[in-house]
N, C-alpha and C. Protein backbone atom coordinates (compact mmCIF):
# COMPACT_ATOMS: atom_id res chain seq x y z
N UNK A 1 0.83 -1.17 0.00
CA UNK A 1 0.00 0.00 0.00
C UNK A 1 0.88 1.24 0.00
N UNK A 2 0.53 2.21 -0.78
CA UNK A 2 1.32 3.42 -0.88
C UNK A 2 1.11 4.30 0.34
N UNK A 3 2.17 4.98 0.71
CA UNK A 3 2.09 5.89 1.86
C UNK A 3 1.32 7.14 1.45
N UNK A 4 0.69 7.75 2.41
CA UNK A 4 -0.06 8.98 2.14
C UNK A 4 0.90 10.09 1.74
N UNK A 5 0.50 10.89 0.79
CA UNK A 5 1.34 11.97 0.30
C UNK A 5 1.19 13.18 1.21
N UNK A 6 2.31 13.75 1.61
CA UNK A 6 2.30 14.92 2.47
C UNK A 6 2.06 16.15 1.62
N UNK A 7 1.23 17.06 2.12
CA UNK A 7 0.95 18.28 1.37
C UNK A 7 2.10 19.27 1.47
N UNK A 8 3.02 19.06 2.41
CA UNK A 8 4.15 19.98 2.57
C UNK A 8 5.34 19.59 1.70
N UNK A 9 5.32 18.38 1.12
CA UNK A 9 6.41 17.92 0.27
C UNK A 9 5.91 17.81 -1.17
N UNK A 10 6.59 18.49 -2.05
CA UNK A 10 6.18 18.44 -3.46
C UNK A 10 6.51 17.08 -4.04
N UNK A 11 5.64 16.55 -4.93
CA UNK A 11 5.96 15.26 -5.56
C UNK A 11 7.12 15.42 -6.53
N UNK A 12 7.80 14.31 -6.81
CA UNK A 12 8.91 14.36 -7.76
C UNK A 12 8.37 14.61 -9.16
N UNK A 13 9.30 14.87 -10.09
CA UNK A 13 8.90 15.16 -11.47
C UNK A 13 8.18 14.00 -12.13
N UNK A 14 8.47 12.78 -11.70
CA UNK A 14 7.88 11.61 -12.33
C UNK A 14 6.59 11.16 -11.64
N UNK A 15 6.10 11.92 -10.67
CA UNK A 15 4.89 11.54 -9.95
C UNK A 15 3.82 12.60 -10.10
N UNK A 16 2.60 12.16 -10.14
CA UNK A 16 1.46 13.06 -10.16
C UNK A 16 0.43 12.49 -9.21
N UNK A 17 0.15 13.17 -8.14
CA UNK A 17 -0.81 12.68 -7.17
C UNK A 17 -0.36 11.39 -6.50
N UNK A 18 0.95 11.18 -6.37
CA UNK A 18 1.46 9.99 -5.73
C UNK A 18 1.65 8.81 -6.66
N UNK A 19 1.19 8.92 -7.89
CA UNK A 19 1.34 7.84 -8.85
C UNK A 19 2.45 8.18 -9.84
N UNK A 20 3.20 7.15 -10.24
CA UNK A 20 4.20 7.37 -11.28
C UNK A 20 3.49 7.55 -12.61
N UNK A 21 3.97 8.49 -13.40
CA UNK A 21 3.39 8.70 -14.72
C UNK A 21 4.45 8.45 -15.77
N UNK A 22 4.02 8.09 -16.93
CA UNK A 22 4.93 7.90 -18.04
C UNK A 22 4.37 8.65 -19.24
N UNK A 23 4.44 9.98 -19.14
CA UNK A 23 3.92 10.83 -20.21
C UNK A 23 4.81 10.74 -21.43
N UNK A 24 4.20 10.75 -22.59
CA UNK A 24 4.92 10.73 -23.86
C UNK A 24 4.98 12.13 -24.44
N UNK A 25 6.06 12.41 -25.15
CA UNK A 25 6.22 13.68 -25.85
C UNK A 25 6.34 13.36 -27.33
N UNK A 26 5.52 14.01 -28.15
CA UNK A 26 5.54 13.82 -29.60
C UNK A 26 5.84 15.16 -30.24
N UNK A 27 6.92 15.21 -31.02
CA UNK A 27 7.36 16.44 -31.67
C UNK A 27 7.43 16.23 -33.17
N UNK A 28 6.30 16.42 -33.88
CA UNK A 28 6.32 16.23 -35.34
C UNK A 28 6.93 17.44 -36.04
N UNK A 29 7.74 17.18 -37.04
CA UNK A 29 8.36 18.24 -37.80
C UNK A 29 8.39 17.90 -39.28
N UNK A 30 8.96 18.80 -40.07
CA UNK A 30 9.00 18.60 -41.52
C UNK A 30 9.94 17.47 -41.91
N UNK A 31 11.09 17.35 -41.22
CA UNK A 31 12.06 16.33 -41.61
C UNK A 31 12.00 15.07 -40.77
N UNK A 32 11.56 15.18 -39.50
CA UNK A 32 11.49 14.00 -38.65
C UNK A 32 10.42 14.15 -37.59
N UNK A 33 9.98 13.01 -37.07
CA UNK A 33 9.04 12.96 -35.95
C UNK A 33 9.84 12.39 -34.78
N UNK A 34 9.90 13.17 -33.70
CA UNK A 34 10.63 12.74 -32.53
C UNK A 34 9.63 12.41 -31.43
N UNK A 35 9.85 11.27 -30.75
CA UNK A 35 8.96 10.86 -29.68
C UNK A 35 9.80 10.26 -28.56
N UNK A 36 9.36 10.49 -27.34
CA UNK A 36 10.08 9.96 -26.19
C UNK A 36 9.25 10.12 -24.93
N UNK A 37 9.85 9.75 -23.82
CA UNK A 37 9.18 9.88 -22.53
C UNK A 37 9.58 11.19 -21.89
N UNK A 38 8.64 11.83 -21.20
CA UNK A 38 8.90 13.08 -20.50
C UNK A 38 9.95 12.83 -19.42
N UNK A 39 10.85 13.79 -19.25
CA UNK A 39 11.88 13.67 -18.23
C UNK A 39 13.18 13.09 -18.74
N UNK A 40 13.20 12.57 -19.94
CA UNK A 40 14.43 12.04 -20.52
C UNK A 40 15.10 13.12 -21.37
N UNK A 41 16.41 12.99 -21.55
CA UNK A 41 17.17 14.01 -22.26
C UNK A 41 16.98 13.99 -23.77
N UNK A 42 16.86 12.81 -24.34
CA UNK A 42 16.76 12.69 -25.80
C UNK A 42 15.57 11.81 -26.16
N UNK A 43 14.99 12.01 -27.34
CA UNK A 43 13.88 11.14 -27.74
C UNK A 43 14.36 9.73 -28.06
N UNK A 44 13.54 8.75 -27.74
CA UNK A 44 13.90 7.35 -28.03
C UNK A 44 13.57 6.99 -29.48
N UNK A 45 12.64 7.71 -30.08
CA UNK A 45 12.21 7.40 -31.44
C UNK A 45 12.39 8.64 -32.31
N UNK A 46 13.22 8.52 -33.33
CA UNK A 46 13.38 9.57 -34.34
C UNK A 46 13.09 8.91 -35.68
N UNK A 47 11.97 9.27 -36.27
CA UNK A 47 11.50 8.65 -37.50
C UNK A 47 11.44 9.71 -38.60
N UNK A 48 11.93 9.42 -39.79
CA UNK A 48 11.81 10.40 -40.88
C UNK A 48 10.34 10.68 -41.20
N UNK A 49 10.03 11.94 -41.45
CA UNK A 49 8.67 12.30 -41.84
C UNK A 49 8.38 11.84 -43.26
N UNK A 50 9.41 11.75 -44.07
CA UNK A 50 9.23 11.23 -45.42
C UNK A 50 8.89 9.75 -45.34
N UNK A 51 8.01 9.29 -46.20
CA UNK A 51 7.60 7.89 -46.20
C UNK A 51 7.49 7.41 -47.64
N UNK A 52 7.57 6.11 -47.81
CA UNK A 52 7.47 5.51 -49.14
C UNK A 52 6.05 5.08 -49.43
N UNK A 53 5.65 5.24 -50.67
CA UNK A 53 4.32 4.82 -51.12
C UNK A 53 4.51 3.83 -52.26
N UNK A 54 4.08 2.60 -52.02
CA UNK A 54 4.10 1.58 -53.07
C UNK A 54 2.76 1.64 -53.80
N UNK A 55 2.82 1.94 -55.06
CA UNK A 55 1.60 2.03 -55.85
C UNK A 55 1.59 0.93 -56.89
N UNK A 56 0.62 0.06 -56.77
CA UNK A 56 0.43 -0.98 -57.78
C UNK A 56 -1.05 -1.03 -58.10
N UNK A 57 -1.44 -0.28 -59.10
CA UNK A 57 -2.85 -0.22 -59.46
C UNK A 57 -3.61 0.64 -58.45
N UNK A 58 -4.80 0.21 -58.05
CA UNK A 58 -5.59 1.00 -57.11
C UNK A 58 -5.11 0.87 -55.66
N UNK A 59 -4.25 -0.11 -55.41
CA UNK A 59 -3.74 -0.30 -54.04
C UNK A 59 -2.63 0.70 -53.75
N UNK A 60 -2.65 1.23 -52.52
CA UNK A 60 -1.63 2.18 -52.09
C UNK A 60 -1.17 1.77 -50.70
N UNK A 61 0.11 1.44 -50.57
CA UNK A 61 0.64 1.00 -49.29
C UNK A 61 1.71 1.98 -48.84
N UNK A 62 1.57 2.51 -47.61
CA UNK A 62 2.53 3.45 -47.04
C UNK A 62 3.56 2.69 -46.22
N UNK A 63 4.84 3.02 -46.41
CA UNK A 63 5.93 2.40 -45.67
C UNK A 63 6.63 3.48 -44.85
N UNK A 64 6.70 3.28 -43.52
CA UNK A 64 7.31 4.25 -42.63
C UNK A 64 8.63 3.73 -42.10
N UNK A 65 9.49 4.64 -41.66
CA UNK A 65 10.77 4.27 -41.07
C UNK A 65 11.93 4.53 -42.01
N UNK A 66 13.14 4.32 -41.48
CA UNK A 66 14.36 4.60 -42.25
C UNK A 66 14.46 3.76 -43.51
N UNK A 67 14.17 2.47 -43.40
CA UNK A 67 14.34 1.57 -44.53
C UNK A 67 13.37 1.87 -45.67
N UNK A 68 12.25 2.50 -45.38
CA UNK A 68 11.25 2.75 -46.42
C UNK A 68 11.71 3.77 -47.44
N UNK A 69 12.56 4.71 -47.03
CA UNK A 69 12.97 5.74 -47.98
C UNK A 69 14.40 5.56 -48.47
N UNK A 70 15.20 4.75 -47.79
CA UNK A 70 16.59 4.58 -48.19
C UNK A 70 16.85 3.31 -48.98
N UNK A 71 15.91 2.38 -48.98
CA UNK A 71 16.06 1.14 -49.73
C UNK A 71 15.36 1.29 -51.07
N UNK A 72 16.08 1.17 -52.18
CA UNK A 72 15.43 1.31 -53.49
C UNK A 72 14.44 0.18 -53.74
N UNK A 73 13.31 0.52 -54.30
CA UNK A 73 12.29 -0.46 -54.65
C UNK A 73 11.55 0.03 -55.89
N UNK A 74 11.07 -0.90 -56.71
CA UNK A 74 10.32 -0.47 -57.90
C UNK A 74 8.94 0.07 -57.49
N UNK A 75 8.45 1.01 -58.26
CA UNK A 75 7.13 1.60 -58.06
C UNK A 75 6.96 2.26 -56.70
N UNK A 76 8.01 2.85 -56.16
CA UNK A 76 7.90 3.53 -54.87
C UNK A 76 8.10 5.03 -55.09
N UNK A 77 7.28 5.81 -54.44
CA UNK A 77 7.46 7.26 -54.47
C UNK A 77 7.61 7.75 -53.03
N UNK A 78 8.35 8.82 -52.85
CA UNK A 78 8.62 9.37 -51.53
C UNK A 78 7.74 10.60 -51.35
N UNK A 79 7.01 10.64 -50.23
CA UNK A 79 6.10 11.75 -49.95
C UNK A 79 6.29 12.22 -48.52
N UNK A 80 5.67 13.36 -48.18
CA UNK A 80 5.75 13.93 -46.84
C UNK A 80 4.37 14.50 -46.49
N UNK A 81 3.81 14.14 -45.32
CA UNK A 81 2.49 14.65 -44.95
C UNK A 81 2.52 16.07 -44.40
N UNK A 82 3.72 16.64 -44.20
CA UNK A 82 3.86 17.97 -43.62
C UNK A 82 4.27 18.97 -44.70
N UNK A 83 3.88 20.22 -44.52
CA UNK A 83 4.35 21.27 -45.42
C UNK A 83 5.69 21.78 -44.89
N UNK A 84 6.37 22.59 -45.67
CA UNK A 84 7.69 23.07 -45.26
C UNK A 84 7.64 23.97 -44.05
N UNK A 85 6.48 24.57 -43.77
CA UNK A 85 6.38 25.43 -42.58
C UNK A 85 5.97 24.65 -41.33
N UNK A 86 5.89 23.31 -41.42
CA UNK A 86 5.63 22.48 -40.25
C UNK A 86 4.17 22.19 -39.95
N UNK A 87 3.28 22.58 -40.85
CA UNK A 87 1.86 22.28 -40.64
C UNK A 87 1.49 21.01 -41.41
N UNK A 88 0.45 20.35 -40.95
CA UNK A 88 0.05 19.07 -41.54
C UNK A 88 -0.81 19.32 -42.78
N UNK A 89 -0.48 18.61 -43.87
CA UNK A 89 -1.27 18.67 -45.10
C UNK A 89 -2.12 17.42 -45.30
N UNK A 90 -1.60 16.25 -44.91
CA UNK A 90 -2.31 14.98 -45.07
C UNK A 90 -2.50 14.36 -43.68
N UNK A 91 -3.68 14.57 -43.10
CA UNK A 91 -3.93 14.16 -41.71
C UNK A 91 -3.96 12.65 -41.54
N UNK A 92 -4.51 11.91 -42.49
CA UNK A 92 -4.59 10.46 -42.35
C UNK A 92 -3.19 9.83 -42.30
N UNK A 93 -2.34 10.24 -43.20
CA UNK A 93 -0.98 9.70 -43.23
C UNK A 93 -0.18 10.20 -42.03
N UNK A 94 -0.36 11.46 -41.64
CA UNK A 94 0.35 11.99 -40.47
C UNK A 94 -0.05 11.22 -39.22
N UNK A 95 -1.32 10.89 -39.08
CA UNK A 95 -1.77 10.10 -37.93
C UNK A 95 -1.09 8.74 -37.91
N UNK A 96 -1.05 8.07 -39.05
CA UNK A 96 -0.40 6.76 -39.13
C UNK A 96 1.10 6.87 -38.85
N UNK A 97 1.73 7.92 -39.34
CA UNK A 97 3.16 8.13 -39.11
C UNK A 97 3.45 8.37 -37.63
N UNK A 98 2.66 9.22 -36.98
CA UNK A 98 2.85 9.50 -35.56
C UNK A 98 2.63 8.24 -34.73
N UNK A 99 1.61 7.49 -35.08
CA UNK A 99 1.34 6.25 -34.35
C UNK A 99 2.49 5.26 -34.54
N UNK A 100 3.06 5.20 -35.74
CA UNK A 100 4.21 4.35 -35.99
C UNK A 100 5.40 4.80 -35.13
N UNK A 101 5.66 6.10 -35.08
CA UNK A 101 6.79 6.62 -34.31
C UNK A 101 6.65 6.28 -32.82
N UNK A 102 5.43 6.29 -32.32
CA UNK A 102 5.21 6.00 -30.90
C UNK A 102 5.23 4.50 -30.64
N UNK A 103 4.52 3.72 -31.43
CA UNK A 103 4.38 2.30 -31.14
C UNK A 103 5.58 1.47 -31.58
N UNK A 104 6.39 1.96 -32.52
CA UNK A 104 7.51 1.15 -32.99
C UNK A 104 8.64 1.05 -31.96
N UNK A 105 8.85 2.11 -31.17
CA UNK A 105 9.97 2.09 -30.24
C UNK A 105 9.59 2.41 -28.79
N UNK A 106 8.45 3.02 -28.56
CA UNK A 106 8.10 3.42 -27.20
C UNK A 106 7.10 2.46 -26.55
N UNK A 107 5.98 2.29 -27.18
CA UNK A 107 4.97 1.37 -26.67
C UNK A 107 4.77 0.31 -27.73
N UNK A 108 4.71 -0.90 -27.34
CA UNK A 108 4.49 -1.97 -28.31
C UNK A 108 3.01 -2.09 -28.60
N UNK A 109 2.70 -2.75 -29.70
CA UNK A 109 1.30 -3.03 -30.00
C UNK A 109 0.74 -3.90 -28.88
N UNK A 110 -0.47 -3.59 -28.47
CA UNK A 110 -1.08 -4.32 -27.36
C UNK A 110 -1.45 -5.72 -27.82
N UNK A 111 -0.96 -6.76 -27.11
CA UNK A 111 -1.32 -8.12 -27.50
C UNK A 111 -2.77 -8.41 -27.14
N UNK A 112 -3.43 -9.15 -27.98
CA UNK A 112 -4.81 -9.54 -27.73
C UNK A 112 -4.88 -10.81 -26.91
N UNK A 113 -6.05 -11.15 -26.48
CA UNK A 113 -6.27 -12.38 -25.73
C UNK A 113 -6.13 -13.55 -26.70
N UNK A 114 -5.22 -14.50 -26.43
CA UNK A 114 -5.03 -15.60 -27.37
C UNK A 114 -6.26 -16.51 -27.47
N UNK A 115 -7.14 -16.46 -26.50
CA UNK A 115 -8.33 -17.29 -26.57
C UNK A 115 -9.39 -16.70 -27.51
N UNK A 116 -9.29 -15.40 -27.79
CA UNK A 116 -10.30 -14.77 -28.63
C UNK A 116 -9.72 -14.14 -29.89
N UNK A 117 -8.49 -14.47 -30.26
CA UNK A 117 -7.91 -13.84 -31.44
C UNK A 117 -8.22 -14.58 -32.74
N UNK A 118 -8.97 -15.67 -32.66
CA UNK A 118 -9.36 -16.38 -33.86
C UNK A 118 -8.47 -17.55 -34.20
N UNK A 119 -7.28 -17.63 -33.62
CA UNK A 119 -6.38 -18.73 -33.94
C UNK A 119 -6.79 -20.03 -33.26
N UNK A 120 -7.47 -19.92 -32.12
CA UNK A 120 -7.85 -21.10 -31.35
C UNK A 120 -9.29 -21.55 -31.62
N UNK A 121 -9.97 -20.86 -32.51
CA UNK A 121 -11.35 -21.22 -32.81
C UNK A 121 -11.39 -22.47 -33.69
N UNK A 122 -12.43 -23.24 -33.50
CA UNK A 122 -12.62 -24.41 -34.36
C UNK A 122 -13.14 -23.92 -35.71
N UNK A 123 -12.56 -24.43 -36.76
CA UNK A 123 -12.94 -24.01 -38.10
C UNK A 123 -14.13 -24.82 -38.58
N UNK A 124 -15.14 -24.11 -39.06
CA UNK A 124 -16.30 -24.79 -39.63
C UNK A 124 -16.37 -24.54 -41.13
N UNK A 125 -15.27 -24.07 -41.71
CA UNK A 125 -15.24 -23.84 -43.15
C UNK A 125 -15.65 -22.44 -43.53
N UNK A 126 -16.37 -21.74 -42.66
CA UNK A 126 -16.80 -20.38 -42.95
C UNK A 126 -15.75 -19.43 -42.38
N UNK A 127 -15.12 -18.64 -43.23
CA UNK A 127 -14.02 -17.79 -42.80
C UNK A 127 -14.45 -16.34 -42.58
N UNK A 128 -15.75 -16.07 -42.43
CA UNK A 128 -16.19 -14.70 -42.16
C UNK A 128 -15.70 -14.28 -40.78
N UNK A 129 -15.29 -13.03 -40.66
CA UNK A 129 -14.76 -12.51 -39.41
C UNK A 129 -15.87 -11.74 -38.70
N UNK A 130 -16.01 -12.00 -37.43
CA UNK A 130 -16.99 -11.29 -36.62
C UNK A 130 -16.48 -9.88 -36.36
N UNK A 131 -17.22 -8.87 -36.74
CA UNK A 131 -16.80 -7.48 -36.56
C UNK A 131 -17.40 -6.86 -35.31
N UNK A 132 -18.11 -7.63 -34.52
CA UNK A 132 -18.68 -7.15 -33.27
C UNK A 132 -17.55 -6.83 -32.30
N UNK A 133 -17.58 -5.70 -31.68
CA UNK A 133 -16.57 -5.36 -30.68
C UNK A 133 -15.30 -4.76 -31.24
N UNK A 134 -15.27 -4.40 -32.50
CA UNK A 134 -14.06 -3.82 -33.08
C UNK A 134 -13.78 -2.45 -32.45
N UNK A 135 -14.83 -1.69 -32.14
CA UNK A 135 -14.66 -0.38 -31.54
C UNK A 135 -14.05 -0.46 -30.14
N UNK A 136 -14.21 -1.59 -29.46
CA UNK A 136 -13.72 -1.71 -28.11
C UNK A 136 -12.27 -2.18 -28.05
N UNK A 137 -11.58 -2.23 -29.19
CA UNK A 137 -10.19 -2.65 -29.20
C UNK A 137 -9.35 -1.66 -28.40
N UNK A 138 -8.24 -2.15 -27.87
CA UNK A 138 -7.36 -1.28 -27.11
C UNK A 138 -6.73 -0.25 -28.03
N UNK A 139 -6.62 0.96 -27.53
CA UNK A 139 -6.03 2.06 -28.28
C UNK A 139 -4.54 2.17 -27.91
N UNK A 140 -3.71 2.71 -28.80
CA UNK A 140 -2.26 2.68 -28.56
C UNK A 140 -1.78 3.49 -27.36
N UNK A 141 -2.48 4.56 -26.98
CA UNK A 141 -1.98 5.43 -25.91
C UNK A 141 -2.95 5.55 -24.74
N UNK A 142 -3.77 4.55 -24.51
CA UNK A 142 -4.78 4.70 -23.48
C UNK A 142 -4.21 4.73 -22.07
N UNK A 143 -2.93 4.41 -21.89
CA UNK A 143 -2.31 4.43 -20.57
C UNK A 143 -1.35 5.60 -20.40
N UNK A 144 -1.07 6.37 -21.45
CA UNK A 144 -0.05 7.40 -21.38
C UNK A 144 -0.61 8.78 -21.70
N UNK A 145 -0.36 9.76 -20.83
CA UNK A 145 -0.65 11.15 -21.21
C UNK A 145 0.27 11.56 -22.35
N UNK A 146 -0.12 12.54 -23.14
CA UNK A 146 0.66 12.94 -24.31
C UNK A 146 0.84 14.44 -24.35
N UNK A 147 2.08 14.88 -24.55
CA UNK A 147 2.41 16.27 -24.84
C UNK A 147 2.83 16.31 -26.29
N UNK A 148 2.16 17.14 -27.08
CA UNK A 148 2.46 17.23 -28.51
C UNK A 148 2.82 18.67 -28.84
N UNK A 149 3.82 18.85 -29.69
CA UNK A 149 4.23 20.20 -30.07
C UNK A 149 3.53 20.62 -31.35
N UNK A 150 3.48 21.92 -31.54
CA UNK A 150 2.91 22.49 -32.77
C UNK A 150 3.67 23.76 -33.11
N UNK A 151 3.54 24.20 -34.34
CA UNK A 151 4.18 25.44 -34.75
C UNK A 151 3.38 26.62 -34.21
N UNK A 152 4.02 27.76 -34.13
CA UNK A 152 3.36 28.95 -33.61
C UNK A 152 2.26 29.47 -34.52
N UNK A 153 2.27 29.14 -35.79
CA UNK A 153 1.29 29.63 -36.75
C UNK A 153 0.26 28.56 -37.12
N UNK A 154 0.13 27.55 -36.28
CA UNK A 154 -0.85 26.49 -36.53
C UNK A 154 -2.27 27.06 -36.40
N UNK A 155 -3.17 26.68 -37.28
CA UNK A 155 -4.54 27.21 -37.25
C UNK A 155 -5.37 26.53 -36.17
N UNK A 156 -6.48 27.14 -35.84
CA UNK A 156 -7.39 26.57 -34.85
C UNK A 156 -7.96 25.24 -35.29
N UNK A 157 -8.26 25.11 -36.58
CA UNK A 157 -8.79 23.84 -37.09
C UNK A 157 -7.75 22.72 -36.98
N UNK A 158 -6.48 23.05 -37.22
CA UNK A 158 -5.42 22.05 -37.10
C UNK A 158 -5.25 21.63 -35.64
N UNK A 159 -5.39 22.58 -34.72
CA UNK A 159 -5.32 22.25 -33.29
C UNK A 159 -6.46 21.31 -32.91
N UNK A 160 -7.65 21.60 -33.39
CA UNK A 160 -8.82 20.74 -33.11
C UNK A 160 -8.60 19.34 -33.66
N UNK A 161 -8.06 19.24 -34.86
CA UNK A 161 -7.82 17.93 -35.47
C UNK A 161 -6.79 17.13 -34.67
N UNK A 162 -5.72 17.78 -34.20
CA UNK A 162 -4.71 17.10 -33.40
C UNK A 162 -5.31 16.60 -32.08
N UNK A 163 -6.16 17.40 -31.46
CA UNK A 163 -6.82 17.00 -30.22
C UNK A 163 -7.76 15.83 -30.48
N UNK A 164 -8.49 15.89 -31.59
CA UNK A 164 -9.40 14.80 -31.94
C UNK A 164 -8.64 13.48 -32.14
N UNK A 165 -7.51 13.53 -32.81
CA UNK A 165 -6.71 12.32 -33.04
C UNK A 165 -6.24 11.74 -31.72
N UNK A 166 -5.69 12.59 -30.85
CA UNK A 166 -5.15 12.11 -29.58
C UNK A 166 -6.23 11.56 -28.66
N UNK A 167 -7.34 12.23 -28.57
CA UNK A 167 -8.36 11.83 -27.61
C UNK A 167 -9.27 10.72 -28.13
N UNK A 168 -9.66 10.79 -29.38
CA UNK A 168 -10.60 9.81 -29.91
C UNK A 168 -9.91 8.59 -30.53
N UNK A 169 -8.92 8.81 -31.38
CA UNK A 169 -8.25 7.68 -32.04
C UNK A 169 -7.32 6.93 -31.10
N UNK A 170 -6.57 7.67 -30.27
CA UNK A 170 -5.56 7.06 -29.42
C UNK A 170 -6.02 6.89 -27.97
N UNK A 171 -7.12 7.50 -27.58
CA UNK A 171 -7.69 7.40 -26.23
C UNK A 171 -6.70 7.86 -25.16
N UNK A 172 -6.02 8.96 -25.38
CA UNK A 172 -5.09 9.49 -24.37
C UNK A 172 -5.88 9.93 -23.14
N UNK A 173 -5.41 9.57 -21.94
CA UNK A 173 -6.11 10.01 -20.74
C UNK A 173 -5.92 11.51 -20.46
N UNK A 174 -4.81 12.09 -20.95
CA UNK A 174 -4.55 13.52 -20.80
C UNK A 174 -3.75 13.97 -22.02
N UNK A 175 -4.01 15.20 -22.46
CA UNK A 175 -3.36 15.69 -23.68
C UNK A 175 -3.05 17.16 -23.52
N UNK A 176 -1.87 17.57 -23.97
CA UNK A 176 -1.50 18.98 -23.95
C UNK A 176 -0.82 19.28 -25.27
N UNK A 177 -1.29 20.34 -25.94
CA UNK A 177 -0.72 20.79 -27.20
C UNK A 177 0.03 22.08 -26.92
N UNK A 178 1.34 22.09 -27.10
CA UNK A 178 2.17 23.23 -26.75
C UNK A 178 2.92 23.74 -27.98
N UNK A 179 3.13 25.03 -28.01
CA UNK A 179 3.89 25.63 -29.12
C UNK A 179 5.38 25.35 -28.92
N UNK A 180 6.04 24.99 -30.02
CA UNK A 180 7.45 24.59 -29.88
C UNK A 180 8.36 25.75 -29.50
N UNK A 181 8.00 26.97 -29.80
CA UNK A 181 8.81 28.12 -29.37
C UNK A 181 8.81 28.30 -27.86
N UNK A 182 7.67 28.09 -27.24
CA UNK A 182 7.56 28.19 -25.78
C UNK A 182 8.35 27.08 -25.12
N UNK A 183 8.27 25.86 -25.67
CA UNK A 183 9.02 24.75 -25.11
C UNK A 183 10.52 24.96 -25.28
N UNK A 184 10.94 25.59 -26.38
CA UNK A 184 12.37 25.88 -26.57
C UNK A 184 12.86 26.85 -25.51
N UNK A 185 12.01 27.80 -25.08
CA UNK A 185 12.39 28.73 -24.03
C UNK A 185 12.59 28.00 -22.70
N UNK A 186 11.75 27.00 -22.43
CA UNK A 186 11.92 26.21 -21.22
C UNK A 186 13.19 25.37 -21.24
N UNK A 187 13.58 24.91 -22.41
CA UNK A 187 14.79 24.09 -22.53
C UNK A 187 16.02 24.88 -22.11
N UNK A 188 16.08 26.16 -22.46
CA UNK A 188 17.24 26.98 -22.12
C UNK A 188 17.06 27.68 -20.78
N UNK A 189 16.10 27.20 -19.99
CA UNK A 189 15.87 27.65 -18.61
C UNK A 189 15.49 29.10 -18.47
N UNK A 190 14.71 29.63 -19.41
CA UNK A 190 14.16 30.97 -19.25
C UNK A 190 12.65 30.93 -19.49
N UNK A 191 11.89 30.26 -18.60
CA UNK A 191 10.46 30.13 -18.81
C UNK A 191 9.68 31.44 -18.84
N UNK A 192 10.07 32.49 -18.11
CA UNK A 192 9.27 33.70 -18.17
C UNK A 192 9.61 34.63 -19.33
N UNK A 193 10.23 34.10 -20.39
CA UNK A 193 10.63 34.96 -21.50
C UNK A 193 9.41 35.38 -22.32
N UNK A 194 9.58 36.40 -23.12
CA UNK A 194 8.53 36.87 -24.02
C UNK A 194 8.68 36.10 -25.31
N UNK A 195 7.58 35.50 -25.77
CA UNK A 195 7.60 34.69 -26.99
C UNK A 195 6.78 35.40 -28.05
N UNK A 196 7.40 35.81 -29.12
CA UNK A 196 6.71 36.52 -30.20
C UNK A 196 6.27 35.52 -31.25
N UNK A 197 4.98 35.53 -31.57
CA UNK A 197 4.44 34.62 -32.58
C UNK A 197 4.16 35.39 -33.86
């Protein structure tokens, strides 16, 4: 059982209300997406924002990560979901890229129950998949609060879209969207500085 928290002693940086937290930081940019845990010096995941697109007819497959853009392949084109000023142009691909950056190195994909994943079911010849309960699947960030950076000139609609992705698609328990200029001021230990946008 945890000891009662004293109101005269401030909690450590890694605790909130007596509980340890493992907040994630996501810093999407034009050239790379950086992700890591709050309180660490460097991000654990640095993923190129550029991604490969394999086009074969009507099918379109996106490939993320270092190998997707540096390994030559036939019928591959290189694209970027961000504009040069750091704002998002393709939200669907940006969402998939951010999720890849977080789940590939920080949080693993949540394993399902082996008794209900379909591998242990008796086969009756009918291979239709039951779609009941698909909405109740575990979300990638349902256990981690998220701090996400944005450019100073990001529009209100883009802010709303980022909040929607974090809260609805990823089920974050807490979310904070911060301007990267303000966070840069905190890094150099001058939090009360004037930030011109």
